Amino acid sequence: MTDHIGDKSATVSLVSRSGSYAPVELIESAELAARWRVPESWIRNHTRARTPREERIPCLRLGRYVRFDWRSAELHKWLDKQRQN
């Protein structure tokens, strides 16, 4: 895992089913909010269980921590779907 001091994102490599390594860039809600230029509270609200499933932002839950895979197809599909609405 690569982590930079003061940097809220981290790049890790995960082993895929094929045995190859795939880089994953995990970011926090503050970083996602900054990249999308929306309030962090909006991001957090769209990850909660009370939000309808189709409106929830795809995320990875690590215990109480919520992270987003910036490079994931699911995250970008979700954003594209929101642009169409």
N, C-alpha and C. Protein backbone atom coordinates (compact mmCIF):
# COMPACT_ATOMS: atom_id res chain seq x y z
N MET A 1 0.84 -1.17 0.00
CA MET A 1 0.00 0.00 0.00
C MET A 1 0.88 1.23 0.00
N THR A 2 0.55 2.17 -0.84
CA THR A 2 1.27 3.43 -0.88
C THR A 2 0.42 4.49 -0.21
N ASP A 3 0.98 5.17 0.77
CA ASP A 3 0.25 6.22 1.47
C ASP A 3 1.19 7.39 1.65
N HIS A 4 0.70 8.58 1.41
CA HIS A 4 1.52 9.77 1.53
C HIS A 4 1.03 10.58 2.72
N ILE A 5 1.95 11.10 3.52
CA ILE A 5 1.58 11.90 4.68
C ILE A 5 0.86 13.14 4.20
N GLY A 6 -0.29 13.40 4.81
CA GLY A 6 -1.08 14.57 4.43
C GLY A 6 -1.97 14.32 3.24
N ASP A 7 -1.86 13.17 2.63
CA ASP A 7 -2.66 12.80 1.47
C ASP A 7 -3.79 11.91 1.94
N LYS A 8 -5.02 12.23 1.57
CA LYS A 8 -6.18 11.48 2.03
C LYS A 8 -6.50 10.30 1.13
N SER A 9 -5.73 10.08 0.10
CA SER A 9 -5.98 8.93 -0.77
C SER A 9 -4.84 7.94 -0.62
N ALA A 10 -5.12 6.71 -0.94
CA ALA A 10 -4.12 5.67 -0.86
C ALA A 10 -4.26 4.77 -2.07
N THR A 11 -3.15 4.32 -2.61
CA THR A 11 -3.19 3.39 -3.71
C THR A 11 -2.71 2.05 -3.20
N VAL A 12 -3.52 1.04 -3.42
CA VAL A 12 -3.16 -0.31 -3.01
C VAL A 12 -3.29 -1.21 -4.22
N SER A 13 -2.64 -2.34 -4.18
CA SER A 13 -2.78 -3.32 -5.24
C SER A 13 -3.49 -4.53 -4.68
N LEU A 14 -4.55 -4.92 -5.33
CA LEU A 14 -5.31 -6.09 -4.92
C LEU A 14 -5.12 -7.19 -5.95
N VAL A 15 -5.09 -8.41 -5.49
CA VAL A 15 -4.94 -9.55 -6.38
C VAL A 15 -6.33 -9.90 -6.94
N SER A 16 -6.44 -9.91 -8.25
CA SER A 16 -7.71 -10.26 -8.87
C SER A 16 -7.85 -11.77 -8.94
N ARG A 17 -9.01 -12.22 -9.38
CA ARG A 17 -9.25 -13.67 -9.49
C ARG A 17 -8.29 -14.33 -10.47
N SER A 18 -7.82 -13.56 -11.44
CA SER A 18 -6.89 -14.13 -12.42
C SER A 18 -5.47 -14.21 -11.88
N GLY A 19 -5.25 -13.65 -10.68
CA GLY A 19 -3.92 -13.71 -10.09
C GLY A 19 -3.07 -12.48 -10.39
N SER A 20 -3.60 -11.54 -11.18
CA SER A 20 -2.84 -10.34 -11.49
C SER A 20 -3.14 -9.27 -10.45
N TYR A 21 -2.26 -8.29 -10.36
CA TYR A 21 -2.46 -7.20 -9.42
C TYR A 21 -3.17 -6.05 -10.12
N ALA A 22 -4.19 -5.53 -9.47
CA ALA A 22 -4.94 -4.40 -10.01
C ALA A 22 -4.82 -3.23 -9.03
N PRO A 23 -4.32 -2.08 -9.49
CA PRO A 23 -4.21 -0.94 -8.59
C PRO A 23 -5.58 -0.39 -8.23
N VAL A 24 -5.77 -0.07 -6.97
CA VAL A 24 -7.02 0.48 -6.46
C VAL A 24 -6.67 1.77 -5.74
N GLU A 25 -7.35 2.84 -6.07
CA GLU A 25 -7.12 4.11 -5.39
C GLU A 25 -8.28 4.36 -4.44
N LEU A 26 -8.05 4.13 -3.15
CA LEU A 26 -9.08 4.34 -2.15
C LEU A 26 -9.01 5.76 -1.64
N ILE A 27 -10.17 6.44 -1.64
CA ILE A 27 -10.22 7.81 -1.16
C ILE A 27 -11.31 7.94 -0.11
N GLU A 28 -11.19 8.94 0.73
CA GLU A 28 -12.17 9.22 1.79
C GLU A 28 -13.28 10.10 1.23
N SER A 29 -14.33 10.27 2.02
CA SER A 29 -15.46 11.09 1.57
C SER A 29 -15.05 12.53 1.30
N ALA A 30 -14.13 13.07 2.09
CA ALA A 30 -13.67 14.45 1.87
C ALA A 30 -13.00 14.60 0.51
N GLU A 31 -12.20 13.61 0.13
CA GLU A 31 -11.52 13.65 -1.17
C GLU A 31 -12.51 13.51 -2.31
N LEU A 32 -13.49 12.60 -2.17
CA LEU A 32 -14.50 12.44 -3.20
C LEU A 32 -15.31 13.72 -3.35
N ALA A 33 -15.67 14.33 -2.24
CA ALA A 33 -16.42 15.59 -2.27
C ALA A 33 -15.62 16.68 -2.98
N ALA A 34 -14.33 16.74 -2.72
CA ALA A 34 -13.49 17.74 -3.37
C ALA A 34 -13.41 17.48 -4.88
N ARG A 35 -13.26 16.23 -5.27
CA ARG A 35 -13.16 15.90 -6.70
C ARG A 35 -14.46 16.16 -7.43
N TRP A 36 -15.59 15.91 -6.77
CA TRP A 36 -16.90 16.13 -7.39
C TRP A 36 -17.44 17.53 -7.12
N ARG A 37 -16.74 18.28 -6.27
CA ARG A 37 -17.13 19.65 -5.92
C ARG A 37 -18.54 19.72 -5.33
N VAL A 38 -18.76 18.87 -4.33
CA VAL A 38 -20.01 18.86 -3.57
C VAL A 38 -19.64 18.84 -2.09
N PRO A 39 -20.58 19.18 -1.20
CA PRO A 39 -20.27 19.12 0.24
C PRO A 39 -20.01 17.68 0.69
N GLU A 40 -19.11 17.53 1.64
CA GLU A 40 -18.81 16.20 2.17
C GLU A 40 -20.06 15.58 2.80
N SER A 41 -20.90 16.41 3.40
CA SER A 41 -22.13 15.89 4.02
C SER A 41 -23.03 15.24 2.97
N TRP A 42 -23.03 15.76 1.75
CA TRP A 42 -23.83 15.18 0.67
C TRP A 42 -23.31 13.78 0.33
N ILE A 43 -22.00 13.64 0.27
CA ILE A 43 -21.39 12.33 0.00
C ILE A 43 -21.78 11.36 1.11
N ARG A 44 -21.62 11.76 2.36
CA ARG A 44 -21.93 10.88 3.49
C ARG A 44 -23.41 10.47 3.48
N ASN A 45 -24.29 11.43 3.19
CA ASN A 45 -25.72 11.13 3.15
C ASN A 45 -26.04 10.09 2.08
N HIS A 46 -25.28 10.08 1.00
CA HIS A 46 -25.54 9.15 -0.10
C HIS A 46 -24.83 7.80 0.08
N THR A 47 -24.29 7.56 1.26
CA THR A 47 -23.71 6.24 1.56
C THR A 47 -24.46 5.56 2.70
N ARG A 48 -25.38 6.24 3.31
CA ARG A 48 -26.09 5.71 4.49
C ARG A 48 -27.16 4.70 4.09
N ALA A 49 -27.46 3.81 5.00
CA ALA A 49 -28.44 2.75 4.77
C ALA A 49 -29.84 3.31 4.52
N ARG A 50 -30.15 4.46 5.09
CA ARG A 50 -31.49 5.02 4.90
C ARG A 50 -31.69 5.62 3.50
N THR A 51 -30.62 5.80 2.76
CA THR A 51 -30.71 6.27 1.39
C THR A 51 -31.16 5.11 0.51
N PRO A 52 -32.14 5.33 -0.38
CA PRO A 52 -32.56 4.23 -1.27
C PRO A 52 -31.36 3.63 -2.00
N ARG A 53 -31.38 2.33 -2.13
CA ARG A 53 -30.23 1.59 -2.69
C ARG A 53 -29.77 2.15 -4.04
N GLU A 54 -30.70 2.50 -4.92
CA GLU A 54 -30.31 2.98 -6.25
C GLU A 54 -29.67 4.38 -6.20
N GLU A 55 -29.82 5.08 -5.08
CA GLU A 55 -29.22 6.41 -4.93
C GLU A 55 -27.91 6.39 -4.15
N ARG A 56 -27.56 5.24 -3.57
CA ARG A 56 -26.34 5.15 -2.77
C ARG A 56 -25.10 5.13 -3.65
N ILE A 57 -24.10 5.86 -3.21
CA ILE A 57 -22.82 5.88 -3.90
C ILE A 57 -22.10 4.56 -3.58
N PRO A 58 -21.60 3.85 -4.59
CA PRO A 58 -20.85 2.61 -4.33
C PRO A 58 -19.63 2.90 -3.46
N CYS A 59 -19.50 2.15 -2.38
CA CYS A 59 -18.39 2.39 -1.46
C CYS A 59 -17.92 1.08 -0.86
N LEU A 60 -16.81 1.16 -0.19
CA LEU A 60 -16.22 0.02 0.50
C LEU A 60 -16.24 0.36 1.99
N ARG A 61 -16.83 -0.50 2.78
CA ARG A 61 -16.90 -0.28 4.22
C ARG A 61 -15.81 -1.11 4.91
N LEU A 62 -14.97 -0.42 5.64
CA LEU A 62 -13.90 -1.05 6.40
C LEU A 62 -14.20 -0.79 7.87
N GLY A 63 -15.06 -1.62 8.44
CA GLY A 63 -15.53 -1.34 9.80
C GLY A 63 -16.37 -0.08 9.79
N ARG A 64 -15.99 0.90 10.57
CA ARG A 64 -16.75 2.16 10.59
C ARG A 64 -16.27 3.15 9.53
N TYR A 65 -15.23 2.79 8.81
CA TYR A 65 -14.67 3.67 7.81
C TYR A 65 -15.28 3.39 6.44
N VAL A 66 -15.55 4.45 5.71
CA VAL A 66 -16.11 4.33 4.36
C VAL A 66 -15.07 4.88 3.40
N ARG A 67 -14.74 4.09 2.40
CA ARG A 67 -13.79 4.50 1.37
C ARG A 67 -14.41 4.28 0.00
N PHE A 68 -13.88 4.97 -0.98
CA PHE A 68 -14.37 4.88 -2.34
C PHE A 68 -13.23 4.49 -3.26
N ASP A 69 -13.49 3.55 -4.15
CA ASP A 69 -12.48 3.14 -5.13
C ASP A 69 -12.62 4.07 -6.33
N TRP A 70 -11.76 5.06 -6.40
CA TRP A 70 -11.83 6.08 -7.43
C TRP A 70 -11.80 5.49 -8.84
N ARG A 71 -11.12 4.40 -9.01
CA ARG A 71 -10.97 3.81 -10.34
C ARG A 71 -12.03 2.77 -10.68
N SER A 72 -12.99 2.54 -9.78
CA SER A 72 -13.97 1.48 -10.01
C SER A 72 -15.00 1.87 -11.07
N ALA A 73 -15.37 0.89 -11.86
CA ALA A 73 -16.38 1.10 -12.90
C ALA A 73 -17.73 1.42 -12.26
N GLU A 74 -18.03 0.81 -11.10
CA GLU A 74 -19.31 1.04 -10.44
C GLU A 74 -19.48 2.50 -10.03
N LEU A 75 -18.43 3.10 -9.51
CA LEU A 75 -18.50 4.50 -9.09
C LEU A 75 -18.75 5.40 -10.28
N HIS A 76 -18.07 5.15 -11.38
CA HIS A 76 -18.23 5.98 -12.57
C HIS A 76 -19.58 5.74 -13.24
N LYS A 77 -20.08 4.52 -13.20
CA LYS A 77 -21.42 4.23 -13.72
C LYS A 77 -22.47 4.97 -12.91
N TRP A 78 -22.31 4.97 -11.58
CA TRP A 78 -23.24 5.66 -10.71
C TRP A 78 -23.27 7.15 -11.04
N LEU A 79 -22.10 7.75 -11.23
CA LEU A 79 -22.02 9.17 -11.56
C LEU A 79 -22.66 9.44 -12.91
N ASP A 80 -22.39 8.62 -13.90
CA ASP A 80 -23.00 8.79 -15.22
C ASP A 80 -24.52 8.71 -15.14
N LYS A 81 -25.03 7.79 -14.32
CA LYS A 81 -26.47 7.65 -14.15
C LYS A 81 -27.06 8.92 -13.53
N GLN A 82 -26.35 9.51 -12.58
CA GLN A 82 -26.82 10.74 -11.94
C GLN A 82 -26.83 11.90 -12.93
N ARG A 83 -25.90 11.92 -13.85
CA ARG A 83 -25.85 12.99 -14.87
C ARG A 83 -27.05 12.91 -15.79
N GLN A 84 -27.56 11.72 -16.02
CA GLN A 84 -28.69 11.53 -16.93
C GLN A 84 -30.01 11.95 -16.29
N ASN A 85 -30.07 11.96 -14.97
CA ASN A 85 -31.33 12.32 -14.28
C ASN A 85 -31.58 13.80 -14.26
